[in-house]
Amino acid sequence: MVREQANSLHEVDKQEILTNFAFVNALVQGSDKDGKPLVKKPQDIANYDRMRKQITGEWGDDVIKVNKYKVLSKKAEKAREQAIKELEERRKTNG
C-alpha cells in the first residue's frame, strides 16, 4: 500500500513538472482577445495538491464542504418530509 502511494505521488510530481512547462508555454503564447493570459497560475491547469491529498487520504477543504452540504441537504429533506406529513394530518383533521 505504501509503495503504491509512493508511486502515485511520484507520478503526480512528474505530471506537475509537465504542467509547469505547459503553464510557462501558456503564459508566453496564450492570451484572450484583450491580451490577458488565459492561464494565470499552474492550478488553473490542474490542482496537484488536491491529487496528493486524495492519494494520501487527507481530507481537504473541498471534501469537508461537500460533506457539510450533504448533511444540510439531508436535514432539509427530513424537514420537507415532516412538513408534508403535518399538512396531510391537518387535511385529515380539517376535512
Protein backbone atom coordinates (compact mmCIF):
# COMPACT_ATOMS: atom_id res chain seq x y z
CA MET A 1 0.00 0.00 0.00
CA VAL A 2 2.77 2.44 0.91
CA ARG A 3 4.68 1.55 -2.23
CA GLU A 4 1.56 2.20 -4.34
CA GLN A 5 1.07 5.59 -2.69
CA ALA A 6 4.72 6.48 -3.22
CA ASN A 7 4.47 5.50 -6.88
CA SER A 8 1.28 7.51 -7.32
CA LEU A 9 2.82 10.55 -5.63
CA HIS A 10 5.87 10.23 -7.88
CA GLU A 11 3.59 10.19 -10.94
CA VAL A 12 1.80 13.30 -9.68
CA ASP A 13 5.18 15.02 -9.26
CA LYS A 14 6.11 14.18 -12.86
CA GLN A 15 2.74 15.45 -14.09
CA GLU A 16 3.24 18.65 -12.11
CA ILE A 17 6.59 19.28 -13.79
CA LEU A 18 4.95 18.83 -17.20
CA THR A 19 2.14 21.14 -16.15
CA ASN A 20 4.66 23.79 -15.15
CA PHE A 21 6.16 23.60 -18.65
CA ALA A 22 2.67 23.89 -20.11
CA PHE A 23 1.97 26.83 -17.81
CA VAL A 24 5.06 28.70 -18.98
CA ASN A 25 4.14 27.93 -22.59
CA ALA A 26 0.58 29.19 -22.00
CA LEU A 27 1.94 32.39 -20.44
CA VAL A 28 4.09 33.01 -23.49
CA GLN A 29 1.56 32.03 -26.17
CA GLY A 30 -1.93 32.01 -24.70
CA SER A 31 -3.95 35.17 -24.30
CA ASP A 32 -7.51 36.29 -24.84
CA LYS A 33 -8.62 38.97 -27.29
CA ASP A 34 -7.64 41.70 -24.80
CA GLY A 35 -4.12 40.31 -24.44
CA LYS A 36 -4.65 38.92 -20.94
CA PRO A 37 -3.19 35.47 -20.21
CA LEU A 38 -5.69 32.61 -20.29
CA VAL A 39 -3.81 30.73 -17.59
CA LYS A 40 -2.84 32.84 -14.58
CA LYS A 41 -1.44 30.15 -12.29
CA PRO A 42 -0.49 26.47 -12.62
CA GLN A 43 -3.56 25.47 -10.56
CA ASP A 44 -5.71 26.70 -13.46
CA ILE A 45 -4.40 23.70 -15.41
CA ALA A 46 -4.51 21.08 -12.62
CA ASN A 47 -4.62 21.04 -8.82
CA TYR A 48 -1.83 18.70 -7.77
CA ASP A 49 -2.18 19.44 -4.06
CA ARG A 50 -5.71 18.04 -4.23
CA MET A 51 -4.44 14.97 -6.12
CA ARG A 52 -1.79 14.35 -3.47
CA LYS A 53 -4.38 14.64 -0.70
CA GLN A 54 -6.61 12.12 -2.48
CA ILE A 55 -3.72 9.67 -2.76
CA THR A 56 -2.66 10.03 0.88
CA GLY A 57 -6.24 10.06 2.14
CA GLU A 58 -6.07 13.51 3.71
CA TRP A 59 -9.30 15.43 3.93
CA GLY A 60 -9.15 18.67 2.03
CA ASP A 61 -11.36 21.69 2.49
CA ASP A 62 -13.41 20.73 -0.57
CA VAL A 63 -14.32 17.35 0.89
CA ILE A 64 -15.30 18.94 4.19
CA LYS A 65 -17.50 21.46 2.36
CA VAL A 66 -19.16 18.72 0.33
CA ASN A 67 -19.86 16.69 3.47
CA LYS A 68 -21.28 19.79 5.14
CA TYR A 69 -23.66 20.36 2.23
CA LYS A 70 -24.67 16.70 2.21
CA VAL A 71 -25.63 16.95 5.88
CA LEU A 72 -27.58 20.16 5.24
CA SER A 73 -29.31 18.57 2.28
CA LYS A 74 -30.36 15.57 4.37
CA LYS A 75 -31.70 17.87 7.09
CA ALA A 76 -33.66 19.85 4.50
CA GLU A 77 -35.12 16.65 3.06
CA LYS A 78 -36.20 15.46 6.52
CA ALA A 79 -37.79 18.86 7.23
CA ARG A 80 -39.62 18.68 3.90
CA GLU A 81 -40.94 15.20 4.67
CA GLN A 82 -42.05 16.32 8.13
CA ALA A 83 -43.86 19.34 6.66
CA ILE A 84 -45.67 17.12 4.16
CA LYS A 85 -46.78 14.79 6.96
CA GLU A 86 -48.05 17.71 9.02
CA LEU A 87 -50.00 19.07 6.05
CA GLU A 88 -51.58 15.68 5.41
CA GLU A 89 -52.58 15.39 9.08
CA ARG A 90 -54.14 18.85 9.01
CA ARG A 91 -56.10 17.95 5.88
CA LYS A 92 -57.42 14.81 7.55
CA THR A 93 -58.49 16.65 10.70
CA ASN A 94 -60.00 19.63 8.83
CA GLY A 95 -61.72 17.95 6.09
